[in-house]
Amino acid sequence: MEEIKPDDIISHPSHYCEGRKYEPKDVIADWDLDFFLGSAIKYISRAGRKPGNSKEQDLRKAIQYLEFEIEKEKPDGCSDR
């Protein structure tokens, strides 16, 4: 994984890069995570760092994606809804 420079709002947003050695997208790819687990990593990594999003909001989003992953692993694959 290459070291990142937090200078590009589209490719390398500061809420994922600033003060970090690796971006979440690189960790997600290296660990071969699926969408739900990758999304949880993304929200955990930016928690409290993205303007307009509270730390609690991002952590709740991460929890939601972890719950989606748990639901996916159930034998019938159906939700309780």
PDB file of N, CA and C in Angstrom:
ATOM      1  N   MET A   1       0.847  -1.174   0.000  1.00  0.00           N
ATOM      2  CA  MET A   1       0.000   0.000   0.000  1.00  0.00           C
ATOM      3  C   MET A   1       0.893   1.238   0.000  1.00  0.00           C
ATOM      4  N   GLU A   2       0.535   2.184  -0.841  1.00  0.00           N
ATOM      5  CA  GLU A   2       1.349   3.398  -0.920  1.00  0.00           C
ATOM      6  C   GLU A   2       0.923   4.410   0.125  1.00  0.00           C
ATOM      7  N   GLU A   3       1.878   5.215   0.579  1.00  0.00           N
ATOM      8  CA  GLU A   3       1.560   6.266   1.529  1.00  0.00           C
ATOM      9  C   GLU A   3       0.754   7.339   0.815  1.00  0.00           C
ATOM     10  N   ILE A   4      -0.197   7.928   1.508  1.00  0.00           N
ATOM     11  CA  ILE A   4      -1.103   8.893   0.892  1.00  0.00           C
ATOM     12  C   ILE A   4      -0.746  10.314   1.288  1.00  0.00           C
ATOM     13  N   LYS A   5      -1.154  11.238   0.430  1.00  0.00           N
ATOM     14  CA  LYS A   5      -0.977  12.666   0.687  1.00  0.00           C
ATOM     15  C   LYS A   5      -2.364  13.302   0.671  1.00  0.00           C
ATOM     16  N   PRO A   6      -2.785  13.901   1.800  1.00  0.00           N
ATOM     17  CA  PRO A   6      -4.144  14.440   1.896  1.00  0.00           C
ATOM     18  C   PRO A   6      -4.310  15.762   1.157  1.00  0.00           C
ATOM     19  N   ASP A   7      -4.328  15.716  -0.173  1.00  0.00           N
ATOM     20  CA  ASP A   7      -4.437  16.954  -0.934  1.00  0.00           C
ATOM     21  C   ASP A   7      -5.527  16.914  -2.001  1.00  0.00           C
ATOM     22  N   ASP A   8      -6.300  15.855  -2.077  1.00  0.00           N
ATOM     23  CA  ASP A   8      -7.288  15.707  -3.133  1.00  0.00           C
ATOM     24  C   ASP A   8      -8.634  15.325  -2.521  1.00  0.00           C
ATOM     25  N   ILE A   9      -9.608  16.232  -2.567  1.00  0.00           N
ATOM     26  CA  ILE A   9     -10.914  16.027  -1.938  1.00  0.00           C
ATOM     27  C   ILE A   9     -11.680  14.849  -2.544  1.00  0.00           C
ATOM     28  N   ILE A  10     -11.456  14.535  -3.822  1.00  0.00           N
ATOM     29  CA  ILE A  10     -12.160  13.432  -4.472  1.00  0.00           C
ATOM     30  C   ILE A  10     -11.438  12.102  -4.254  1.00  0.00           C
ATOM     31  N   SER A  11     -10.179  12.045  -4.591  1.00  0.00           N
ATOM     32  CA  SER A  11      -9.429  10.783  -4.522  1.00  0.00           C
ATOM     33  C   SER A  11      -8.903  10.463  -3.129  1.00  0.00           C
ATOM     34  N   HIS A  12      -8.584  11.477  -2.370  1.00  0.00           N
ATOM     35  CA  HIS A  12      -7.981  11.278  -1.049  1.00  0.00           C
ATOM     36  C   HIS A  12      -8.530  12.295  -0.045  1.00  0.00           C
ATOM     37  N   PRO A  13      -9.825  12.188   0.323  1.00  0.00           N
ATOM     38  CA  PRO A  13     -10.404  13.162   1.251  1.00  0.00           C
ATOM     39  C   PRO A  13      -9.691  13.160   2.604  1.00  0.00           C
ATOM     40  N   SER A  14      -9.546  14.344   3.173  1.00  0.00           N
ATOM     41  CA  SER A  14      -8.789  14.480   4.419  1.00  0.00           C
ATOM     42  C   SER A  14      -9.402  13.692   5.572  1.00  0.00           C
ATOM     43  N   HIS A  15     -10.744  13.517   5.581  1.00  0.00           N
ATOM     44  CA  HIS A  15     -11.347  12.771   6.692  1.00  0.00           C
ATOM     45  C   HIS A  15     -10.970  11.289   6.661  1.00  0.00           C
ATOM     46  N   TYR A  16     -10.406  10.815   5.552  1.00  0.00           N
ATOM     47  CA  TYR A  16      -9.879   9.451   5.490  1.00  0.00           C
ATOM     48  C   TYR A  16      -8.354   9.426   5.558  1.00  0.00           C
ATOM     49  N   CYS A  17      -7.696  10.513   5.187  1.00  0.00           N
ATOM     50  CA  CYS A  17      -6.239  10.502   4.990  1.00  0.00           C
ATOM     51  C   CYS A  17      -5.422  11.222   6.050  1.00  0.00           C
ATOM     52  N   GLU A  18      -5.876  12.378   6.447  1.00  0.00           N
ATOM     53  CA  GLU A  18      -5.054  13.247   7.294  1.00  0.00           C
ATOM     54  C   GLU A  18      -4.570  12.534   8.555  1.00  0.00           C
ATOM     55  N   GLY A  19      -3.260  12.518   8.725  1.00  0.00           N
ATOM     56  CA  GLY A  19      -2.664  11.886   9.888  1.00  0.00           C
ATOM     57  C   GLY A  19      -2.651  10.368   9.840  1.00  0.00           C
ATOM     58  N   ARG A  20      -2.943   9.818   8.690  1.00  0.00           N
ATOM     59  CA  ARG A  20      -3.021   8.368   8.532  1.00  0.00           C
ATOM     60  C   ARG A  20      -1.994   7.883   7.521  1.00  0.00           C
ATOM     61  N   LYS A  21      -1.538   6.691   7.711  1.00  0.00           N
ATOM     62  CA  LYS A  21      -0.598   6.095   6.768  1.00  0.00           C
ATOM     63  C   LYS A  21      -1.332   5.438   5.598  1.00  0.00           C
ATOM     64  N   TYR A  22      -2.509   4.859   5.863  1.00  0.00           N
ATOM     65  CA  TYR A  22      -3.267   4.156   4.824  1.00  0.00           C
ATOM     66  C   TYR A  22      -4.706   4.646   4.788  1.00  0.00           C
ATOM     67  N   GLU A  23      -5.278   4.633   3.604  1.00  0.00           N
ATOM     68  CA  GLU A  23      -6.692   4.958   3.441  1.00  0.00           C
ATOM     69  C   GLU A  23      -7.524   3.703   3.685  1.00  0.00           C
ATOM     70  N   PRO A  24      -8.766   3.886   4.117  1.00  0.00           N
ATOM     71  CA  PRO A  24      -9.638   2.729   4.316  1.00  0.00           C
ATOM     72  C   PRO A  24      -9.766   1.870   3.056  1.00  0.00           C
ATOM     73  N   LYS A  25      -9.835   2.502   1.883  1.00  0.00           N
ATOM     74  CA  LYS A  25     -10.000   1.729   0.640  1.00  0.00           C
ATOM     75  C   LYS A  25      -8.849   0.756   0.431  1.00  0.00           C
ATOM     76  N   ASP A  26      -7.652   1.133   0.852  1.00  0.00           N
ATOM     77  CA  ASP A  26      -6.493   0.251   0.710  1.00  0.00           C
ATOM     78  C   ASP A  26      -6.555  -0.908   1.707  1.00  0.00           C
ATOM     79  N   VAL A  27      -6.993  -0.627   2.921  1.00  0.00           N
ATOM     80  CA  VAL A  27      -7.152  -1.672   3.931  1.00  0.00           C
ATOM     81  C   VAL A  27      -8.245  -2.641   3.494  1.00  0.00           C
ATOM     82  N   ILE A  28      -9.368  -2.110   3.023  1.00  0.00           N
ATOM     83  CA  ILE A  28     -10.488  -2.931   2.567  1.00  0.00           C
ATOM     84  C   ILE A  28     -10.042  -3.856   1.442  1.00  0.00           C
ATOM     85  N   ALA A  29      -9.303  -3.333   0.488  1.00  0.00           N
ATOM     86  CA  ALA A  29      -8.815  -4.148  -0.635  1.00  0.00           C
ATOM     87  C   ALA A  29      -7.810  -5.192  -0.153  1.00  0.00           C
ATOM     88  N   ASP A  30      -6.866  -4.781   0.698  1.00  0.00           N
ATOM     89  CA  ASP A  30      -5.840  -5.702   1.179  1.00  0.00           C
ATOM     90  C   ASP A  30      -6.449  -6.843   1.990  1.00  0.00           C
ATOM     91  N   TRP A  31      -7.461  -6.536   2.777  1.00  0.00           N
ATOM     92  CA  TRP A  31      -8.107  -7.552   3.609  1.00  0.00           C
ATOM     93  C   TRP A  31      -9.199  -8.304   2.851  1.00  0.00           C
ATOM     94  N   ASP A  32      -9.472  -7.911   1.608  1.00  0.00           N
ATOM     95  CA  ASP A  32     -10.482  -8.548   0.755  1.00  0.00           C
ATOM     96  C   ASP A  32     -11.855  -8.581   1.437  1.00  0.00           C
ATOM     97  N   LEU A  33     -12.266  -7.422   1.961  1.00  0.00           N
ATOM     98  CA  LEU A  33     -13.543  -7.327   2.664  1.00  0.00           C
ATOM     99  C   LEU A  33     -14.691  -7.123   1.687  1.00  0.00           C
ATOM    100  N   ASP A  34     -15.854  -7.658   2.054  1.00  0.00           N
ATOM    101  CA  ASP A  34     -17.038  -7.440   1.232  1.00  0.00           C
ATOM    102  C   ASP A  34     -17.610  -6.040   1.502  1.00  0.00           C
ATOM    103  N   PHE A  35     -18.725  -5.723   0.841  1.00  0.00           N
ATOM    104  CA  PHE A  35     -19.308  -4.385   0.930  1.00  0.00           C
ATOM    105  C   PHE A  35     -19.662  -3.998   2.363  1.00  0.00           C
ATOM    106  N   PHE A  36     -20.343  -4.888   3.080  1.00  0.00           N
ATOM    107  CA  PHE A  36     -20.799  -4.540   4.426  1.00  0.00           C
ATOM    108  C   PHE A  36     -19.630  -4.314   5.382  1.00  0.00           C
ATOM    109  N   LEU A  37     -18.661  -5.222   5.392  1.00  0.00           N
ATOM    110  CA  LEU A  37     -17.512  -5.060   6.288  1.00  0.00           C
ATOM    111  C   LEU A  37     -16.646  -3.880   5.859  1.00  0.00           C
ATOM    112  N   GLY A  38     -16.497  -3.690   4.557  1.00  0.00           N
ATOM    113  CA  GLY A  38     -15.733  -2.543   4.059  1.00  0.00           C
ATOM    114  C   GLY A  38     -16.378  -1.227   4.448  1.00  0.00           C
ATOM    115  N   SER A  39     -17.699  -1.176   4.365  1.00  0.00           N
ATOM    116  CA  SER A  39     -18.412   0.043   4.753  1.00  0.00           C
ATOM    117  C   SER A  39     -18.246   0.318   6.243  1.00  0.00           C
ATOM    118  N   ALA A  40     -18.291  -0.727   7.061  1.00  0.00           N
ATOM    119  CA  ALA A  40     -18.083  -0.550   8.502  1.00  0.00           C
ATOM    120  C   ALA A  40     -16.696   0.029   8.772  1.00  0.00           C
ATOM    121  N   ILE A  41     -15.678  -0.499   8.104  1.00  0.00           N
ATOM    122  CA  ILE A  41     -14.309   0.020   8.255  1.00  0.00           C
ATOM    123  C   ILE A  41     -14.255   1.492   7.855  1.00  0.00           C
ATOM    124  N   LYS A  42     -14.907   1.817   6.745  1.00  0.00           N
ATOM    125  CA  LYS A  42     -14.911   3.201   6.252  1.00  0.00           C
ATOM    126  C   LYS A  42     -15.498   4.146   7.298  1.00  0.00           C
ATOM    127  N   TYR A  43     -16.651   3.790   7.853  1.00  0.00           N
ATOM    128  CA  TYR A  43     -17.295   4.671   8.827  1.00  0.00           C
ATOM    129  C   TYR A  43     -16.520   4.741  10.139  1.00  0.00           C
ATOM    130  N   ILE A  44     -15.934   3.632  10.570  1.00  0.00           N
ATOM    131  CA  ILE A  44     -15.111   3.655  11.782  1.00  0.00           C
ATOM    132  C   ILE A  44     -13.908   4.565  11.574  1.00  0.00           C
ATOM    133  N   SER A  45     -13.279   4.462  10.411  1.00  0.00           N
ATOM    134  CA  SER A  45     -12.053   5.235  10.166  1.00  0.00           C
ATOM    135  C   SER A  45     -12.303   6.739  10.098  1.00  0.00           C
ATOM    136  N   ARG A  46     -13.498   7.131   9.681  1.00  0.00           N
ATOM    137  CA  ARG A  46     -13.761   8.570   9.558  1.00  0.00           C
ATOM    138  C   ARG A  46     -14.558   9.129  10.737  1.00  0.00           C
ATOM    139  N   ALA A  47     -14.909   8.300  11.697  1.00  0.00           N
ATOM    140  CA  ALA A  47     -15.750   8.725  12.822  1.00  0.00           C
ATOM    141  C   ALA A  47     -15.175   9.958  13.513  1.00  0.00           C
ATOM    142  N   GLY A  48     -15.988  11.017  13.534  1.00  0.00           N
ATOM    143  CA  GLY A  48     -15.589  12.266  14.164  1.00  0.00           C
ATOM    144  C   GLY A  48     -14.642  13.118  13.345  1.00  0.00           C
ATOM    145  N   ARG A  49     -14.366  12.720  12.120  1.00  0.00           N
ATOM    146  CA  ARG A  49     -13.392  13.437  11.288  1.00  0.00           C
ATOM    147  C   ARG A  49     -14.022  14.140  10.089  1.00  0.00           C
ATOM    148  N   LYS A  50     -15.207  13.709   9.655  1.00  0.00           N
ATOM    149  CA  LYS A  50     -15.828  14.311   8.471  1.00  0.00           C
ATOM    150  C   LYS A  50     -16.718  15.472   8.902  1.00  0.00           C
ATOM    151  N   PRO A  51     -16.473  16.655   8.352  1.00  0.00           N
ATOM    152  CA  PRO A  51     -17.313  17.807   8.687  1.00  0.00           C
ATOM    153  C   PRO A  51     -18.791  17.520   8.394  1.00  0.00           C
ATOM    154  N   GLY A  52     -19.638  17.870   9.337  1.00  0.00           N
ATOM    155  CA  GLY A  52     -21.073  17.677   9.157  1.00  0.00           C
ATOM    156  C   GLY A  52     -21.580  16.327   9.638  1.00  0.00           C
ATOM    157  N   ASN A  53     -20.682  15.440  10.014  1.00  0.00           N
ATOM    158  CA  ASN A  53     -21.067  14.135  10.535  1.00  0.00           C
ATOM    159  C   ASN A  53     -20.474  13.980  11.932  1.00  0.00           C
ATOM    160  N   SER A  54     -21.321  13.670  12.893  1.00  0.00           N
ATOM    161  CA  SER A  54     -20.808  13.472  14.252  1.00  0.00           C
ATOM    162  C   SER A  54     -20.146  12.100  14.360  1.00  0.00           C
ATOM    163  N   LYS A  55     -19.304  11.962  15.354  1.00  0.00           N
ATOM    164  CA  LYS A  55     -18.656  10.674  15.610  1.00  0.00           C
ATOM    165  C   LYS A  55     -19.720   9.611  15.865  1.00  0.00           C
ATOM    166  N   GLU A  56     -20.714   9.966  16.668  1.00  0.00           N
ATOM    167  CA  GLU A  56     -21.787   9.016  16.973  1.00  0.00           C
ATOM    168  C   GLU A  56     -22.514   8.573  15.705  1.00  0.00           C
ATOM    169  N   GLN A  57     -22.806   9.506  14.812  1.00  0.00           N
ATOM    170  CA  GLN A  57     -23.508   9.177  13.570  1.00  0.00           C
ATOM    171  C   GLN A  57     -22.703   8.167  12.749  1.00  0.00           C
ATOM    172  N   ASP A  58     -21.413   8.409  12.591  1.00  0.00           N
ATOM    173  CA  ASP A  58     -20.585   7.489  11.813  1.00  0.00           C
ATOM    174  C   ASP A  58     -20.470   6.126  12.494  1.00  0.00           C
ATOM    175  N   LEU A  59     -20.361   6.104  13.806  1.00  0.00           N
ATOM    176  CA  LEU A  59     -20.277   4.823  14.510  1.00  0.00           C
ATOM    177  C   LEU A  59     -21.592   4.054  14.422  1.00  0.00           C
ATOM    178  N   ARG A  60     -22.715   4.762  14.458  1.00  0.00           N
ATOM    179  CA  ARG A  60     -24.010   4.091  14.283  1.00  0.00           C
ATOM    180  C   ARG A  60     -24.140   3.503  12.872  1.00  0.00           C
ATOM    181  N   LYS A  61     -23.613   4.216  11.882  1.00  0.00           N
ATOM    182  CA  LYS A  61     -23.605   3.688  10.510  1.00  0.00           C
ATOM    183  C   LYS A  61     -22.751   2.423  10.441  1.00  0.00           C
ATOM    184  N   ALA A  62     -21.599   2.443  11.098  1.00  0.00           N
ATOM    185  CA  ALA A  62     -20.729   1.259  11.118  1.00  0.00           C
ATOM    186  C   ALA A  62     -21.455   0.073  11.756  1.00  0.00           C
ATOM    187  N   ILE A  63     -22.133   0.330  12.861  1.00  0.00           N
ATOM    188  CA  ILE A  63     -22.898  -0.728  13.528  1.00  0.00           C
ATOM    189  C   ILE A  63     -23.961  -1.282  12.592  1.00  0.00           C
ATOM    190  N   GLN A  64     -24.642  -0.405  11.862  1.00  0.00           N
ATOM    191  CA  GLN A  64     -25.683  -0.852  10.935  1.00  0.00           C
ATOM    192  C   GLN A  64     -25.102  -1.804   9.889  1.00  0.00           C
ATOM    193  N   TYR A  65     -23.934  -1.462   9.343  1.00  0.00           N
ATOM    194  CA  TYR A  65     -23.321  -2.338   8.341  1.00  0.00           C
ATOM    195  C   TYR A  65     -22.851  -3.653   8.959  1.00  0.00           C
ATOM    196  N   LEU A  66     -22.407  -3.638  10.204  1.00  0.00           N
ATOM    197  CA  LEU A  66     -22.050  -4.886  10.876  1.00  0.00           C
ATOM    198  C   LEU A  66     -23.293  -5.746  11.098  1.00  0.00           C
ATOM    199  N   GLU A  67     -24.411  -5.108  11.415  1.00  0.00           N
ATOM    200  CA  GLU A  67     -25.666  -5.849  11.560  1.00  0.00           C
ATOM    201  C   GLU A  67     -26.100  -6.447  10.227  1.00  0.00           C
ATOM    202  N   PHE A  68     -25.909  -5.715   9.121  1.00  0.00           N
ATOM    203  CA  PHE A  68     -26.204  -6.268   7.794  1.00  0.00           C
ATOM    204  C   PHE A  68     -25.358  -7.517   7.539  1.00  0.00           C
ATOM    205  N   GLU A  69     -24.078  -7.456   7.912  1.00  0.00           N
ATOM    206  CA  GLU A  69     -23.171  -8.599   7.714  1.00  0.00           C
ATOM    207  C   GLU A  69     -23.625  -9.797   8.543  1.00  0.00           C
ATOM    208  N   ILE A  70     -24.007  -9.562   9.780  1.00  0.00           N
ATOM    209  CA  ILE A  70     -24.492 -10.641  10.641  1.00  0.00           C
ATOM    210  C   ILE A  70     -25.752 -11.253  10.047  1.00  0.00           C
ATOM    211  N   GLU A  71     -26.661 -10.421   9.590  1.00  0.00           N
ATOM    212  CA  GLU A  71     -27.912 -10.896   8.990  1.00  0.00           C
ATOM    213  C   GLU A  71     -27.627 -11.749   7.754  1.00  0.00           C
ATOM    214  N   LYS A  72     -26.657 -11.331   6.975  1.00  0.00           N
ATOM    215  CA  LYS A  72     -26.290 -12.055   5.753  1.00  0.00           C
ATOM    216  C   LYS A  72     -25.801 -13.465   6.072  1.00  0.00           C
ATOM    217  N   GLU A  73     -25.185 -13.630   7.229  1.00  0.00           N
ATOM    218  CA  GLU A  73     -24.613 -14.920   7.616  1.00  0.00           C
ATOM    219  C   GLU A  73     -25.643 -15.900   8.177  1.00  0.00           C
ATOM    220  N   LYS A  74     -26.865 -15.443   8.411  1.00  0.00           N
ATOM    221  CA  LYS A  74     -27.901 -16.348   8.917  1.00  0.00           C
ATOM    222  C   LYS A  74     -28.233 -17.372   7.837  1.00  0.00           C
ATOM    223  N   PRO A  75     -28.537 -18.602   8.235  1.00  0.00           N
ATOM    224  CA  PRO A  75     -28.777 -19.673   7.263  1.00  0.00           C
ATOM    225  C   PRO A  75     -29.846 -19.358   6.217  1.00  0.00           C
ATOM    226  N   ASP A  76     -30.946 -18.718   6.614  1.00  0.00           N
ATOM    227  CA  ASP A  76     -31.999 -18.434   5.636  1.00  0.00           C
ATOM    228  C   ASP A  76     -31.750 -17.142   4.874  1.00  0.00           C
ATOM    229  N   GLY A  77     -30.818 -16.313   5.357  1.00  0.00           N
ATOM    230  CA  GLY A  77     -30.465 -15.074   4.668  1.00  0.00           C
ATOM    231  C   GLY A  77     -31.541 -14.010   4.701  1.00  0.00           C
ATOM    232  N   CYS A  78     -32.618 -14.255   5.439  1.00  0.00           N
ATOM    233  CA  CYS A  78     -33.722 -13.294   5.492  1.00  0.00           C
ATOM    234  C   CYS A  78     -33.628 -12.450   6.759  1.00  0.00           C
ATOM    235  N   SER A  79     -34.124 -11.248   6.647  1.00  0.00           N
ATOM    236  CA  SER A  79     -34.122 -10.375   7.818  1.00  0.00           C
ATOM    237  C   SER A  79     -35.335 -10.661   8.687  1.00  0.00           C
ATOM    238  N   ASP A  80     -35.336 -10.090   9.871  1.00  0.00           N
ATOM    239  CA  ASP A  80     -36.443 -10.261  10.808  1.00  0.00           C
ATOM    240  C   ASP A  80     -37.604  -9.327  10.504  1.00  0.00           C
ATOM    241  N   ARG A  81     -37.495  -8.532   9.470  1.00  0.00           N
ATOM    242  CA  ARG A  81     -38.539  -7.544   9.162  1.00  0.00           C
ATOM    243  C   ARG A  81     -39.748  -8.171   8.551  1.00  0.00           C
TER     244      ARG A  81
END
